């Protein structure tokens, strides 16, 4: 049984406020989570996403992690997450 899918990443900017968004898509179902980014001296962290297995059905999901603020925005390329 899948307990959770954990996702994280970094944005190559340093700024105090921004939002990280995780979007998971499979067979017409979309799961979207957002949280405030955490900045340090050299990057902005988009870690800390955990999607409970109960929200996901079996099969390949496309995961996209993005970051946005009033000054910048970016998106990682899609990654396939295989849910058993």
C-alpha atoms as a PDB file:
ATOM      1  CA  UNK A   1       0.000   0.000   0.000  1.00  0.00           C
ATOM      2  CA  UNK A   2       1.331   3.411  -0.981  1.00  0.00           C
ATOM      3  CA  UNK A   3       1.447   5.707   2.025  1.00  0.00           C
ATOM      4  CA  UNK A   4       2.477   8.933   0.282  1.00  0.00           C
ATOM      5  CA  UNK A   5       4.327  10.531  -2.602  1.00  0.00           C
ATOM      6  CA  UNK A   6       6.931  13.052  -1.398  1.00  0.00           C
ATOM      7  CA  UNK A   7       8.165  15.803  -3.735  1.00  0.00           C
ATOM      8  CA  UNK A   8      10.589  18.688  -3.322  1.00  0.00           C
ATOM      9  CA  UNK A   9      12.895  20.924  -5.295  1.00  0.00           C
ATOM     10  CA  UNK A  10      14.713  24.255  -5.401  1.00  0.00           C
ATOM     11  CA  UNK A  11      14.382  27.483  -7.362  1.00  0.00           C
ATOM     12  CA  UNK A  12      17.640  29.209  -8.315  1.00  0.00           C
ATOM     13  CA  UNK A  13      16.571  32.587  -6.947  1.00  0.00           C
ATOM     14  CA  UNK A  14      16.816  34.277  -3.578  1.00  0.00           C
ATOM     15  CA  UNK A  15      13.764  36.266  -2.537  1.00  0.00           C
ATOM     16  CA  UNK A  16      11.677  36.428   0.601  1.00  0.00           C
ATOM     17  CA  UNK A  17       8.197  35.450  -0.610  1.00  0.00           C
ATOM     18  CA  UNK A  18       6.947  32.981  -3.214  1.00  0.00           C
ATOM     19  CA  UNK A  19       4.599  30.058  -3.700  1.00  0.00           C
ATOM     20  CA  UNK A  20       5.458  26.495  -4.656  1.00  0.00           C
ATOM     21  CA  UNK A  21       2.858  24.433  -6.502  1.00  0.00           C
ATOM     22  CA  UNK A  22       2.828  20.685  -7.099  1.00  0.00           C
ATOM     23  CA  UNK A  23       0.500  19.393  -9.790  1.00  0.00           C
ATOM     24  CA  UNK A  24      -0.064  15.643 -10.292  1.00  0.00           C
ATOM     25  CA  UNK A  25      -2.108  14.413 -13.277  1.00  0.00           C
ATOM     26  CA  UNK A  26      -3.321  10.911 -14.173  1.00  0.00           C
ATOM     27  CA  UNK A  27      -6.225   9.773 -16.369  1.00  0.00           C
ATOM     28  CA  UNK A  28      -8.091  13.069 -16.102  1.00  0.00           C
ATOM     29  CA  UNK A  29      -7.608  13.362 -12.330  1.00  0.00           C
ATOM     30  CA  UNK A  30      -5.627  16.374 -11.066  1.00  0.00           C
ATOM     31  CA  UNK A  31      -4.212  16.809  -7.567  1.00  0.00           C
ATOM     32  CA  UNK A  32      -2.811  20.277  -6.806  1.00  0.00           C
ATOM     33  CA  UNK A  33      -1.032  21.346  -3.630  1.00  0.00           C
ATOM     34  CA  UNK A  34       0.495  24.741  -2.775  1.00  0.00           C
ATOM     35  CA  UNK A  35       2.644  26.097   0.027  1.00  0.00           C
ATOM     36  CA  UNK A  36       4.853  29.078   0.789  1.00  0.00           C
ATOM     37  CA  UNK A  37       8.460  28.677  -0.323  1.00  0.00           C
ATOM     38  CA  UNK A  38      11.336  28.836   2.165  1.00  0.00           C
ATOM     39  CA  UNK A  39      14.382  30.910   1.236  1.00  0.00           C
ATOM     40  CA  UNK A  40      17.962  30.628   2.410  1.00  0.00           C
ATOM     41  CA  UNK A  41      21.212  32.341   1.378  1.00  0.00           C
ATOM     42  CA  UNK A  42      21.396  30.840  -2.133  1.00  0.00           C
ATOM     43  CA  UNK A  43      18.062  29.268  -3.147  1.00  0.00           C
ATOM     44  CA  UNK A  44      14.353  29.000  -2.523  1.00  0.00           C
ATOM     45  CA  UNK A  45      13.189  25.600  -1.283  1.00  0.00           C
ATOM     46  CA  UNK A  46      10.006  23.976  -2.558  1.00  0.00           C
ATOM     47  CA  UNK A  47      10.332  20.923  -0.364  1.00  0.00           C
ATOM     48  CA  UNK A  48       7.791  19.453   1.959  1.00  0.00           C
ATOM     49  CA  UNK A  49       5.067  18.216  -0.389  1.00  0.00           C
ATOM     50  CA  UNK A  50       3.519  14.932   0.699  1.00  0.00           C
ATOM     51  CA  UNK A  51       0.480  13.593  -1.135  1.00  0.00           C
ATOM     52  CA  UNK A  52      -1.350  10.830   0.768  1.00  0.00           C
ATOM     53  CA  UNK A  53      -1.673   7.567  -1.144  1.00  0.00           C
ATOM     54  CA  UNK A  54      -5.432   7.725  -0.577  1.00  0.00           C
ATOM     55  CA  UNK A  55      -5.604  10.666  -3.035  1.00  0.00           C
ATOM     56  CA  UNK A  56      -3.848   8.733  -5.831  1.00  0.00           C
ATOM     57  CA  UNK A  57      -4.964   5.831  -7.998  1.00  0.00           C
ATOM     58  CA  UNK A  58      -2.631   3.211  -9.450  1.00  0.00           C
ATOM     59  CA  UNK A  59      -0.720   4.048 -12.611  1.00  0.00           C
ATOM     60  CA  UNK A  60       1.684   6.660 -13.983  1.00  0.00           C
ATOM     61  CA  UNK A  61       1.186  10.223 -12.749  1.00  0.00           C
ATOM     62  CA  UNK A  62       2.846  13.280 -14.284  1.00  0.00           C
ATOM     63  CA  UNK A  63       4.277  15.505 -11.547  1.00  0.00           C
ATOM     64  CA  UNK A  64       5.179  19.154 -12.200  1.00  0.00           C
ATOM     65  CA  UNK A  65       6.705  21.394  -9.548  1.00  0.00           C
ATOM     66  CA  UNK A  66       6.570  25.166 -10.048  1.00  0.00           C
ATOM     67  CA  UNK A  67       7.523  28.352  -8.225  1.00  0.00           C
ATOM     68  CA  UNK A  68       6.031  31.826  -8.593  1.00  0.00           C
ATOM     69  CA  UNK A  69       6.379  35.219  -6.937  1.00  0.00           C
ATOM     70  CA  UNK A  70       5.744  38.817  -7.965  1.00  0.00           C
ATOM     71  CA  UNK A  71       9.310  38.941  -9.370  1.00  0.00           C
ATOM     72  CA  UNK A  72       9.929  35.511 -10.908  1.00  0.00           C
ATOM     73  CA  UNK A  73       8.401  32.225 -11.985  1.00  0.00           C
ATOM     74  CA  UNK A  74       9.623  28.853 -13.127  1.00  0.00           C
ATOM     75  CA  UNK A  75       8.560  25.279 -13.667  1.00  0.00           C
ATOM     76  CA  UNK A  76      10.433  21.988 -13.653  1.00  0.00           C
ATOM     77  CA  UNK A  77       9.864  19.572 -16.515  1.00  0.00           C
ATOM     78  CA  UNK A  78       7.334  16.806 -15.854  1.00  0.00           C
ATOM     79  CA  UNK A  79       8.452  13.698 -13.993  1.00  0.00           C
ATOM     80  CA  UNK A  80       6.563  10.403 -14.114  1.00  0.00           C
ATOM     81  CA  UNK A  81       5.658   8.970 -10.722  1.00  0.00           C
ATOM     82  CA  UNK A  82       4.511   5.342 -10.833  1.00  0.00           C
ATOM     83  CA  UNK A  83       1.891   4.582  -8.207  1.00  0.00           C
ATOM     84  CA  UNK A  84       1.532   0.823  -7.514  1.00  0.00           C
END
